[in-house]
Amino acid sequence: MRRFLALSRSAHGALDIAMPGFVALLWLGDFPPWRVLLLCALAGGAGYTAIYALNDLVGARTDREKFAGHGINAGYSVEASSLRYPLARNLIGPRGAFAWFGFWYGVAMAAAYLLNPAIVVITVAAGLLEVVYCKLLKVTYWRTLVSGLVKSAGPIAAVYAVDGDPSLSRLLLLLVWLMLWEIGGQNIPADWNDLEEDRRIGAQTIPLVLGPRVAAVLVVLTLALAVVASVFLPLVSPLALGLPYQITTLVSGCCFLLLPGVRLARTLDGRRAARLFDSASWYPLAQLTIILAFVLAK
């Protein structure tokens, strides 16, 4: 079982689930009914489990190329399992990996349908976009935008779980914020951590094609915009989230995103990229904790 959990990067996925939880509470301004809450937890857990497994299924051949003869790189603390990339390392077989993905994707689709059929469309789109993202590794660094869309799928689906007809303008604000967090805090740092491995296989990533200095500027810029955008998130909520919330979320963004990004830009050290990835991975949980406090205190 540990190998299959490593295939789905369960530690990282568990942190990711906090973001749909935060978005649902922010958007609704309260806890949803128990049935909705349980279905959301099931859909979110199954969805992240499936999509991360799909990433390794589609990218297995490339992963073998990247780590052939050099072993697996150090990675990040949230993905530090010694069983990372179990499919590429032949620790599990393709059939078993596909069965694991298929089971959890089916569970996610079923839960999505029970919540809102519109979420089925988002779930299908997330899977297709993940395949596109993996296939673009040797094609263009613009695939980072696809990564932002994939990571935004869960939180956007959470909105449709609690609101059958959400405002598109408010959804757009959420989408921009989510993509900025993913690109600056997760995608570019992850590619930076794999810099040497990607160079060996001719990958097209931002740190590799544009260089570390440009990558660092993009990291700081996207994270600064993400922190600024987070101050406007009360606009999507029915709660009276005033200055106390804005200050709290601003401090959270600076601590988990902006300061680690600035440290990376100052040093251009790959280890700082891994630390930024770790810190940004905890950001959703910090946001969930903040909104929980305001929901409970209302």
C-alpha atoms as a PDB file:
ATOM      1  CA  MET A   1       0.000   0.000   0.000  1.00  0.00           C
ATOM      2  CA  ARG A   2       2.873   2.397   0.774  1.00  0.00           C
ATOM      3  CA  ARG A   3       4.006   2.186  -2.840  1.00  0.00           C
ATOM      4  CA  PHE A   4       0.599   3.143  -4.155  1.00  0.00           C
ATOM      5  CA  LEU A   5       0.341   6.016  -1.687  1.00  0.00           C
ATOM      6  CA  ALA A   6       3.754   7.168  -2.908  1.00  0.00           C
ATOM      7  CA  LEU A   7       2.445   6.970  -6.491  1.00  0.00           C
ATOM      8  CA  SER A   8      -0.276   9.431  -5.493  1.00  0.00           C
ATOM      9  CA  ARG A   9       2.080  11.575  -3.368  1.00  0.00           C
ATOM     10  CA  SER A  10      -0.296  11.181  -0.460  1.00  0.00           C
ATOM     11  CA  ALA A  11       1.500  13.600   1.881  1.00  0.00           C
ATOM     12  CA  HIS A  12       1.338  16.389  -0.680  1.00  0.00           C
ATOM     13  CA  GLY A  13      -2.222  15.491  -1.637  1.00  0.00           C
ATOM     14  CA  ALA A  14      -3.343  15.674   1.986  1.00  0.00           C
ATOM     15  CA  LEU A  15      -2.097  19.269   2.161  1.00  0.00           C
ATOM     16  CA  ASP A  16      -3.665  20.134  -1.198  1.00  0.00           C
ATOM     17  CA  ILE A  17      -7.131  19.096   0.027  1.00  0.00           C
ATOM     18  CA  ALA A  18      -7.040  22.042   2.436  1.00  0.00           C
ATOM     19  CA  MET A  19      -7.384  24.470  -0.484  1.00  0.00           C
ATOM     20  CA  PRO A  20     -10.836  23.257  -1.658  1.00  0.00           C
ATOM     21  CA  GLY A  21     -11.893  23.264   2.003  1.00  0.00           C
ATOM     22  CA  PHE A  22     -10.776  26.863   2.399  1.00  0.00           C
ATOM     23  CA  VAL A  23     -12.483  27.961  -0.824  1.00  0.00           C
ATOM     24  CA  ALA A  24     -15.775  26.240   0.067  1.00  0.00           C
ATOM     25  CA  LEU A  25     -15.915  27.886   3.513  1.00  0.00           C
ATOM     26  CA  LEU A  26     -14.902  31.263   2.109  1.00  0.00           C
ATOM     27  CA  TRP A  27     -17.500  31.129  -0.660  1.00  0.00           C
ATOM     28  CA  LEU A  28     -20.371  29.795   1.476  1.00  0.00           C
ATOM     29  CA  GLY A  29     -19.482  31.672   4.655  1.00  0.00           C
ATOM     30  CA  ASP A  30     -20.537  28.683   6.729  1.00  0.00           C
ATOM     31  CA  PHE A  31     -20.226  24.914   6.979  1.00  0.00           C
ATOM     32  CA  PRO A  32     -22.177  23.044   4.285  1.00  0.00           C
ATOM     33  CA  PRO A  33     -24.633  20.267   5.261  1.00  0.00           C
ATOM     34  CA  TRP A  34     -23.000  17.069   6.489  1.00  0.00           C
ATOM     35  CA  ARG A  35     -23.891  15.163   3.314  1.00  0.00           C
ATOM     36  CA  VAL A  36     -22.196  17.788   1.167  1.00  0.00           C
ATOM     37  CA  LEU A  37     -19.205  17.974   3.508  1.00  0.00           C
ATOM     38  CA  LEU A  38     -18.644  14.207   3.409  1.00  0.00           C
ATOM     39  CA  LEU A  39     -19.073  14.021  -0.356  1.00  0.00           C
ATOM     40  CA  CYS A  40     -16.639  16.930  -0.775  1.00  0.00           C
ATOM     41  CA  ALA A  41     -14.046  15.150   1.363  1.00  0.00           C
ATOM     42  CA  LEU A  42     -14.508  11.953  -0.658  1.00  0.00           C
ATOM     43  CA  ALA A  43     -14.376  13.719  -4.015  1.00  0.00           C
ATOM     44  CA  GLY A  44     -11.353  15.803  -3.031  1.00  0.00           C
ATOM     45  CA  GLY A  45      -9.363  12.925  -1.557  1.00  0.00           C
ATOM     46  CA  ALA A  46     -10.131  10.615  -4.471  1.00  0.00           C
ATOM     47  CA  GLY A  47      -9.521  13.338  -7.052  1.00  0.00           C
ATOM     48  CA  TYR A  48      -6.081  14.330  -5.805  1.00  0.00           C
ATOM     49  CA  THR A  49      -5.123  10.671  -5.358  1.00  0.00           C
ATOM     50  CA  ALA A  50      -6.108   9.937  -8.959  1.00  0.00           C
ATOM     51  CA  ILE A  51      -4.553  13.006 -10.614  1.00  0.00           C
ATOM     52  CA  TYR A  52      -1.172  12.585  -8.930  1.00  0.00           C
ATOM     53  CA  ALA A  53      -1.167   8.918  -9.961  1.00  0.00           C
ATOM     54  CA  LEU A  54      -2.053   9.964 -13.508  1.00  0.00           C
ATOM     55  CA  ASN A  55       0.954  12.298 -13.536  1.00  0.00           C
ATOM     56  CA  ASP A  56       3.284   9.383 -12.860  1.00  0.00           C
ATOM     57  CA  LEU A  57       1.453   7.102 -15.301  1.00  0.00           C
ATOM     58  CA  VAL A  58       1.763   9.533 -18.195  1.00  0.00           C
ATOM     59  CA  GLY A  59       5.294  10.602 -17.264  1.00  0.00           C
ATOM     60  CA  ALA A  60       6.743   7.190 -16.371  1.00  0.00           C
ATOM     61  CA  ARG A  61       8.985   6.947 -19.443  1.00  0.00           C
ATOM     62  CA  THR A  62      10.312  10.471 -18.978  1.00  0.00           C
ATOM     63  CA  ASP A  63      10.881   9.857 -15.264  1.00  0.00           C
ATOM     64  CA  ARG A  64      12.980   6.789 -16.114  1.00  0.00           C
ATOM     65  CA  GLU A  65      15.075   8.940 -18.462  1.00  0.00           C
ATOM     66  CA  LYS A  66      15.505  11.673 -15.873  1.00  0.00           C
ATOM     67  CA  PHE A  67      16.752   9.454 -13.085  1.00  0.00           C
ATOM     68  CA  ALA A  68      18.527   6.698 -15.028  1.00  0.00           C
ATOM     69  CA  GLY A  69      21.979   6.132 -13.562  1.00  0.00           C
ATOM     70  CA  HIS A  70      21.725   9.031 -11.123  1.00  0.00           C
ATOM     71  CA  GLY A  71      18.979   7.978  -8.747  1.00  0.00           C
ATOM     72  CA  ILE A  72      16.141  10.047  -7.358  1.00  0.00           C
ATOM     73  CA  ASN A  73      17.023  13.598  -6.310  1.00  0.00           C
ATOM     74  CA  ALA A  74      16.530  14.869  -2.791  1.00  0.00           C
ATOM     75  CA  GLY A  75      13.076  16.290  -3.426  1.00  0.00           C
ATOM     76  CA  TYR A  76      11.128  18.188  -0.803  1.00  0.00           C
ATOM     77  CA  SER A  77      10.085  17.337   2.728  1.00  0.00           C
ATOM     78  CA  VAL A  78       6.428  16.945   1.688  1.00  0.00           C
ATOM     79  CA  GLU A  79       7.476  14.404  -0.947  1.00  0.00           C
ATOM     80  CA  ALA A  80      10.512  12.900   0.743  1.00  0.00           C
ATOM     81  CA  SER A  81       9.348   9.265   0.690  1.00  0.00           C
ATOM     82  CA  SER A  82      12.044   6.779  -0.291  1.00  0.00           C
ATOM     83  CA  LEU A  83       9.389   5.250  -2.560  1.00  0.00           C
ATOM     84  CA  ARG A  84       8.985   8.317  -4.788  1.00  0.00           C
ATOM     85  CA  TYR A  85       8.336   7.555  -8.463  1.00  0.00           C
ATOM     86  CA  PRO A  86       7.493   3.884  -7.765  1.00  0.00           C
ATOM     87  CA  LEU A  87       6.288   3.278 -11.319  1.00  0.00           C
ATOM     88  CA  ALA A  88       9.425   4.645 -12.975  1.00  0.00           C
ATOM     89  CA  ARG A  89      11.544   2.572 -10.561  1.00  0.00           C
ATOM     90  CA  ASN A  90       9.538  -0.614 -11.248  1.00  0.00           C
ATOM     91  CA  LEU A  91       8.361  -0.844  -7.637  1.00  0.00           C
ATOM     92  CA  ILE A  92       4.834  -1.296  -8.973  1.00  0.00           C
ATOM     93  CA  GLY A  93       3.658  -2.408 -12.395  1.00  0.00           C
ATOM     94  CA  PRO A  94       1.744  -0.369 -14.993  1.00  0.00           C
ATOM     95  CA  ARG A  95      -1.402  -2.480 -14.590  1.00  0.00           C
ATOM     96  CA  GLY A  96      -1.475  -2.012 -10.852  1.00  0.00           C
ATOM     97  CA  ALA A  97      -0.821   1.720 -11.207  1.00  0.00           C
ATOM     98  CA  PHE A  98      -3.576   2.103 -13.798  1.00  0.00           C
ATOM     99  CA  ALA A  99      -6.024   0.108 -11.651  1.00  0.00           C
ATOM    100  CA  TRP A 100      -5.194   2.367  -8.682  1.00  0.00           C
ATOM    101  CA  PHE A 101      -5.756   5.488 -10.784  1.00  0.00           C
ATOM    102  CA  GLY A 102      -8.944   4.105 -12.330  1.00  0.00           C
ATOM    103  CA  PHE A 103     -10.481   3.182  -9.002  1.00  0.00           C
ATOM    104  CA  TRP A 104      -9.912   6.574  -7.393  1.00  0.00           C
ATOM    105  CA  TYR A 105     -10.863   8.484 -10.521  1.00  0.00           C
ATOM    106  CA  GLY A 106     -14.119   6.546 -10.626  1.00  0.00           C
ATOM    107  CA  VAL A 107     -14.794   7.354  -6.971  1.00  0.00           C
ATOM    108  CA  ALA A 108     -14.084  11.025  -7.636  1.00  0.00           C
ATOM    109  CA  MET A 109     -16.438  11.053 -10.631  1.00  0.00           C
ATOM    110  CA  ALA A 110     -19.239   9.374  -8.675  1.00  0.00           C
ATOM    111  CA  ALA A 111     -18.925  11.774  -5.740  1.00  0.00           C
ATOM    112  CA  ALA A 112     -18.729  14.704  -8.145  1.00  0.00           C
ATOM    113  CA  TYR A 113     -21.961  13.657  -9.853  1.00  0.00           C
ATOM    114  CA  LEU A 114     -23.767  13.393  -6.523  1.00  0.00           C
ATOM    115  CA  LEU A 115     -22.576  16.876  -5.574  1.00  0.00           C
ATOM    116  CA  ASN A 116     -23.205  18.649  -8.867  1.00  0.00           C
ATOM    117  CA  PRO A 117     -22.940  17.236 -12.421  1.00  0.00           C
ATOM    118  CA  ALA A 118     -20.951  20.338 -13.381  1.00  0.00           C
ATOM    119  CA  ILE A 119     -18.112  19.021 -11.198  1.00  0.00           C
ATOM    120  CA  VAL A 120     -17.906  15.934 -13.429  1.00  0.00           C
ATOM    121  CA  VAL A 121     -16.923  18.256 -16.293  1.00  0.00           C
ATOM    122  CA  ILE A 122     -14.241  19.862 -14.091  1.00  0.00           C
ATOM    123  CA  THR A 123     -12.938  16.430 -13.067  1.00  0.00           C
ATOM    124  CA  VAL A 124     -12.677  15.271 -16.687  1.00  0.00           C
ATOM    125  CA  ALA A 125     -10.995  18.544 -17.664  1.00  0.00           C
ATOM    126  CA  ALA A 126      -8.473  18.183 -14.836  1.00  0.00           C
ATOM    127  CA  GLY A 127      -7.500  14.714 -16.051  1.00  0.00           C
ATOM    128  CA  LEU A 128      -7.123  15.834 -19.670  1.00  0.00           C
ATOM    129  CA  LEU A 129      -5.123  18.908 -18.690  1.00  0.00           C
ATOM    130  CA  GLU A 130      -2.805  16.776 -16.542  1.00  0.00           C
ATOM    131  CA  VAL A 131      -2.050  14.599 -19.567  1.00  0.00           C
ATOM    132  CA  VAL A 132      -1.380  17.714 -21.670  1.00  0.00           C
ATOM    133  CA  TYR A 133       0.878  19.105 -18.945  1.00  0.00           C
ATOM    134  CA  CYS A 134       3.006  15.950 -18.866  1.00  0.00           C
ATOM    135  CA  LYS A 135       3.237  15.755 -22.660  1.00  0.00           C
ATOM    136  CA  LEU A 136       4.485  19.346 -22.914  1.00  0.00           C
ATOM    137  CA  LEU A 137       7.607  18.740 -20.798  1.00  0.00           C
ATOM    138  CA  LYS A 138       9.927  18.702 -23.827  1.00  0.00           C
ATOM    139  CA  VAL A 139       7.828  21.138 -25.855  1.00  0.00           C
ATOM    140  CA  THR A 140       7.383  24.459 -24.012  1.00  0.00           C
ATOM    141  CA  TYR A 141       7.784  26.086 -20.614  1.00  0.00           C
ATOM    142  CA  TRP A 142       4.345  27.650 -21.096  1.00  0.00           C
ATOM    143  CA  ARG A 143       3.009  24.384 -19.723  1.00  0.00           C
ATOM    144  CA  THR A 144       3.258  26.109 -16.334  1.00  0.00           C
ATOM    145  CA  LEU A 145      -0.092  27.752 -17.180  1.00  0.00           C
ATOM    146  CA  VAL A 146      -1.616  24.299 -17.640  1.00  0.00           C
ATOM    147  CA  SER A 147      -0.269  23.339 -14.219  1.00  0.00           C
ATOM    148  CA  GLY A 148      -2.042  26.341 -12.742  1.00  0.00           C
ATOM    149  CA  LEU A 149      -5.329  25.246 -14.276  1.00  0.00           C
ATOM    150  CA  VAL A 150      -4.964  21.666 -13.020  1.00  0.00           C
ATOM    151  CA  LYS A 151      -4.214  22.759  -9.461  1.00  0.00           C
ATOM    152  CA  SER A 152      -7.144  25.198  -9.576  1.00  0.00           C
ATOM    153  CA  ALA A 153      -9.615  22.478 -10.585  1.00  0.00           C
ATOM    154  CA  GLY A 154     -10.181  21.177  -7.038  1.00  0.00           C
ATOM    155  CA  PRO A 155     -10.919  24.554  -5.435  1.00  0.00           C
ATOM    156  CA  ILE A 156     -13.125  25.649  -8.358  1.00  0.00           C
ATOM    157  CA  ALA A 157     -15.023  22.351  -8.067  1.00  0.00           C
ATOM    158  CA  ALA A 158     -15.500  23.122  -4.343  1.00  0.00           C
ATOM    159  CA  VAL A 159     -17.332  26.301  -5.308  1.00  0.00           C
ATOM    160  CA  TYR A 160     -19.764  24.339  -7.484  1.00  0.00           C
ATOM    161  CA  ALA A 161     -20.271  21.904  -4.609  1.00  0.00           C
ATOM    162  CA  VAL A 162     -21.723  24.666  -2.427  1.00  0.00           C
ATOM    163  CA  ASP A 163     -23.153  26.978  -5.096  1.00  0.00           C
ATOM    164  CA  GLY A 164     -25.012  25.703  -8.132  1.00  0.00           C
ATOM    165  CA  ASP A 165     -24.765  28.999 -10.012  1.00  0.00           C
ATOM    166  CA  PRO A 166     -21.624  30.873  -8.920  1.00  0.00           C
ATOM    167  CA  SER A 167     -20.662  34.346 -10.094  1.00  0.00           C
ATOM    168  CA  LEU A 168     -18.168  34.091 -12.958  1.00  0.00           C
ATOM    169  CA  SER A 169     -16.402  37.305 -11.965  1.00  0.00           C
ATOM    170  CA  ARG A 170     -15.805  36.002  -8.441  1.00  0.00           C
ATOM    171  CA  LEU A 171     -14.675  32.668  -9.872  1.00  0.00           C
ATOM    172  CA  LEU A 172     -12.165  34.512 -12.051  1.00  0.00           C
ATOM    173  CA  LEU A 173     -10.676  36.254  -8.999  1.00  0.00           C
ATOM    174  CA  LEU A 174     -10.261  32.889  -7.294  1.00  0.00           C
ATOM    175  CA  LEU A 175      -8.754  31.328 -10.415  1.00  0.00           C
ATOM    176  CA  VAL A 176      -6.163  34.083 -10.803  1.00  0.00           C
ATOM    177  CA  TRP A 177      -5.143  33.819  -7.153  1.00  0.00           C
ATOM    178  CA  LEU A 178      -4.890  30.031  -7.320  1.00  0.00           C
ATOM    179  CA  MET A 179      -2.821  30.051 -10.511  1.00  0.00           C
ATOM    180  CA  LEU A 180      -0.396  32.636  -9.124  1.00  0.00           C
ATOM    181  CA  TRP A 181       0.128  30.511  -5.993  1.00  0.00           C
ATOM    182  CA  GLU A 182       0.658  27.325  -7.992  1.00  0.00           C
ATOM    183  CA  ILE A 183       2.998  28.797 -10.606  1.00  0.00           C
ATOM    184  CA  GLY A 184       5.203  30.793  -8.239  1.00  0.00           C
ATOM    185  CA  GLY A 185       5.085  28.561  -5.192  1.00  0.00           C
ATOM    186  CA  GLN A 186       4.895  25.077  -6.675  1.00  0.00           C
ATOM    187  CA  ASN A 187       5.550  24.690 -10.399  1.00  0.00           C
ATOM    188  CA  ILE A 188       8.622  26.827 -10.961  1.00  0.00           C
ATOM    189  CA  PRO A 189      10.287  25.667  -7.702  1.00  0.00           C
ATOM    190  CA  ALA A 190       9.569  22.023  -8.588  1.00  0.00           C
ATOM    191  CA  ASP A 191      11.190  22.457 -12.009  1.00  0.00           C
ATOM    192  CA  TRP A 192      14.108  24.258 -10.336  1.00  0.00           C
ATOM    193  CA  ASN A 193      14.599  21.278  -8.039  1.00  0.00           C
ATOM    194  CA  ASP A 194      14.778  18.992 -11.107  1.00  0.00           C
ATOM    195  CA  LEU A 195      17.062  21.317 -13.066  1.00  0.00           C
ATOM    196  CA  GLU A 196      19.913  18.892 -13.766  1.00  0.00           C
ATOM    197  CA  GLU A 197      17.616  15.953 -14.469  1.00  0.00           C
ATOM    198  CA  ASP A 198      15.555  18.057 -16.880  1.00  0.00           C
ATOM    199  CA  ARG A 199      18.695  19.278 -18.644  1.00  0.00           C
ATOM    200  CA  ARG A 200      19.736  15.679 -19.383  1.00  0.00           C
ATOM    201  CA  ILE A 201      16.487  14.908 -21.187  1.00  0.00           C
ATOM    202  CA  GLY A 202      16.067  18.213 -23.029  1.00  0.00           C
ATOM    203  CA  ALA A 203      13.065  19.432 -21.030  1.00  0.00           C
ATOM    204  CA  GLN A 204      11.635  22.898 -21.593  1.00  0.00           C
ATOM    205  CA  THR A 205      11.066  24.478 -18.181  1.00  0.00           C
ATOM    206  CA  ILE A 206      11.274  28.076 -17.001  1.00  0.00           C
ATOM    207  CA  PRO A 207      14.434  27.652 -14.848  1.00  0.00           C
ATOM    208  CA  LEU A 208      16.150  25.711 -17.641  1.00  0.00           C
ATOM    209  CA  VAL A 209      15.170  27.796 -20.687  1.00  0.00           C
ATOM    210  CA  LEU A 210      15.027  31.286 -19.174  1.00  0.00           C
ATOM    211  CA  GLY A 211      17.676  30.731 -16.521  1.00  0.00           C
ATOM    212  CA  PRO A 212      17.611  30.925 -12.716  1.00  0.00           C
ATOM    213  CA  ARG A 213      17.629  34.736 -12.517  1.00  0.00           C
ATOM    214  CA  VAL A 214      14.568  35.174 -14.716  1.00  0.00           C
ATOM    215  CA  ALA A 215      12.897  32.248 -12.945  1.00  0.00           C
ATOM    216  CA  ALA A 216      13.559  33.929  -9.584  1.00  0.00           C
ATOM    217  CA  VAL A 217      12.032  37.197 -10.801  1.00  0.00           C
ATOM    218  CA  LEU A 218       8.939  35.331 -11.998  1.00  0.00           C
ATOM    219  CA  VAL A 219       8.669  33.527  -8.664  1.00  0.00           C
ATOM    220  CA  VAL A 220       8.774  36.756  -6.653  1.00  0.00           C
ATOM    221  CA  LEU A 221       6.411  38.544  -9.054  1.00  0.00           C
ATOM    222  CA  THR A 222       3.759  35.799  -9.094  1.00  0.00           C
ATOM    223  CA  LEU A 223       3.917  35.289  -5.342  1.00  0.00           C
ATOM    224  CA  ALA A 224       3.716  39.022  -4.644  1.00  0.00           C
ATOM    225  CA  LEU A 225       0.634  39.206  -6.874  1.00  0.00           C
ATOM    226  CA  ALA A 226      -0.819  36.151  -5.112  1.00  0.00           C
ATOM    227  CA  VAL A 227      -0.397  37.835  -1.725  1.00  0.00           C
ATOM    228  CA  VAL A 228      -2.007  41.039  -3.020  1.00  0.00           C
ATOM    229  CA  ALA A 229      -4.866  39.082  -4.621  1.00  0.00           C
ATOM    230  CA  SER A 230      -5.528  37.268  -1.344  1.00  0.00           C
ATOM    231  CA  VAL A 231      -6.456  40.608   0.264  1.00  0.00           C
ATOM    232  CA  PHE A 232      -9.377  40.865  -2.187  1.00  0.00           C
ATOM    233  CA  LEU A 233     -10.722  37.355  -1.489  1.00  0.00           C
ATOM    234  CA  PRO A 234     -13.335  38.692   0.995  1.00  0.00           C
ATOM    235  CA  LEU A 235     -15.152  39.961  -2.115  1.00  0.00           C
ATOM    236  CA  VAL A 236     -16.210  36.374  -2.903  1.00  0.00           C
ATOM    237  CA  SER A 237     -17.565  35.682   0.588  1.00  0.00           C
ATOM    238  CA  PRO A 238     -20.871  36.576   2.277  1.00  0.00           C
ATOM    239  CA  LEU A 239     -18.985  36.905   5.566  1.00  0.00           C
ATOM    240  CA  ALA A 240     -18.097  40.361   6.858  1.00  0.00           C
ATOM    241  CA  LEU A 241     -14.363  39.785   6.521  1.00  0.00           C
ATOM    242  CA  GLY A 242     -12.793  43.121   7.237  1.00  0.00           C
ATOM    243  CA  LEU A 243      -9.359  44.385   8.158  1.00  0.00           C
ATOM    244  CA  PRO A 244      -8.564  41.620  10.705  1.00  0.00           C
ATOM    245  CA  TYR A 245      -8.965  38.951   8.030  1.00  0.00           C
ATOM    246  CA  GLN A 246      -7.025  40.932   5.437  1.00  0.00           C
ATOM    247  CA  ILE A 247      -4.116  41.472   7.822  1.00  0.00           C
ATOM    248  CA  THR A 248      -4.087  37.807   8.817  1.00  0.00           C
ATOM    249  CA  THR A 249      -4.130  36.518   5.253  1.00  0.00           C
ATOM    250  CA  LEU A 250      -1.491  39.094   4.268  1.00  0.00           C
ATOM    251  CA  VAL A 251       0.831  37.885   7.039  1.00  0.00           C
ATOM    252  CA  SER A 252       0.180  34.272   6.037  1.00  0.00           C
ATOM    253  CA  GLY A 253       1.051  35.000   2.407  1.00  0.00           C
ATOM    254  CA  CYS A 254       4.226  36.845   3.336  1.00  0.00           C
ATOM    255  CA  CYS A 255       5.407  34.050   5.651  1.00  0.00           C
ATOM    256  CA  PHE A 256       4.544  31.036   3.493  1.00  0.00           C
ATOM    257  CA  LEU A 257       5.052  32.492   0.015  1.00  0.00           C
ATOM    258  CA  LEU A 258       6.764  35.838  -0.397  1.00  0.00           C
ATOM    259  CA  LEU A 259       9.636  35.604   2.100  1.00  0.00           C
ATOM    260  CA  PRO A 260      10.758  32.112   0.943  1.00  0.00           C
ATOM    261  CA  GLY A 261      10.490  33.395  -2.644  1.00  0.00           C
ATOM    262  CA  VAL A 262      12.671  36.407  -1.891  1.00  0.00           C
ATOM    263  CA  ARG A 263      15.257  34.171  -0.202  1.00  0.00           C
ATOM    264  CA  LEU A 264      15.372  32.030  -3.331  1.00  0.00           C
ATOM    265  CA  ALA A 265      15.816  35.114  -5.526  1.00  0.00           C
ATOM    266  CA  ARG A 266      18.682  36.357  -3.359  1.00  0.00           C
ATOM    267  CA  THR A 267      20.623  33.094  -3.331  1.00  0.00           C
ATOM    268  CA  LEU A 268      19.509  31.291  -6.531  1.00  0.00           C
ATOM    269  CA  ASP A 269      20.126  28.143  -4.498  1.00  0.00           C
ATOM    270  CA  GLY A 270      18.259  25.022  -5.596  1.00  0.00           C
ATOM    271  CA  ARG A 271      17.798  24.006  -1.970  1.00  0.00           C
ATOM    272  CA  ARG A 272      15.894  27.258  -1.435  1.00  0.00           C
ATOM    273  CA  ALA A 273      13.595  26.244  -4.302  1.00  0.00           C
ATOM    274  CA  ALA A 274      12.767  23.021  -2.475  1.00  0.00           C
ATOM    275  CA  ARG A 275      12.130  24.963   0.742  1.00  0.00           C
ATOM    276  CA  LEU A 276       9.828  27.359  -1.104  1.00  0.00           C
ATOM    277  CA  PHE A 277       7.899  24.400  -2.517  1.00  0.00           C
ATOM    278  CA  ASP A 278       7.480  22.990   0.987  1.00  0.00           C
ATOM    279  CA  SER A 279       6.403  26.321   2.446  1.00  0.00           C
ATOM    280  CA  ALA A 280       3.912  26.968  -0.370  1.00  0.00           C
ATOM    281  CA  SER A 281       2.492  23.464   0.171  1.00  0.00           C
ATOM    282  CA  TRP A 282       1.509  24.458   3.723  1.00  0.00           C
ATOM    283  CA  TYR A 283      -0.140  27.684   2.554  1.00  0.00           C
ATOM    284  CA  PRO A 284      -3.559  26.067   1.869  1.00  0.00           C
ATOM    285  CA  LEU A 285      -3.683  24.662   5.397  1.00  0.00           C
ATOM    286  CA  ALA A 286      -2.823  28.092   6.799  1.00  0.00           C
ATOM    287  CA  GLN A 287      -5.639  29.651   4.761  1.00  0.00           C
ATOM    288  CA  LEU A 288      -8.083  26.963   5.892  1.00  0.00           C
ATOM    289  CA  THR A 289      -7.151  27.575   9.538  1.00  0.00           C
ATOM    290  CA  ILE A 290      -7.720  31.318   9.139  1.00  0.00           C
ATOM    291  CA  ILE A 291     -11.156  31.006   7.547  1.00  0.00           C
ATOM    292  CA  LEU A 292     -12.185  28.356  10.079  1.00  0.00           C
ATOM    293  CA  ALA A 293     -11.453  30.809  12.879  1.00  0.00           C
ATOM    294  CA  PHE A 294     -13.604  33.500  11.260  1.00  0.00           C
ATOM    295  CA  VAL A 295     -16.467  31.101  10.479  1.00  0.00           C
ATOM    296  CA  LEU A 296     -16.520  29.791  14.046  1.00  0.00           C
ATOM    297  CA  ALA A 297     -16.342  33.298  15.486  1.00  0.00           C
ATOM    298  CA  LYS A 298     -19.203  34.791  13.476  1.00  0.00           C
END
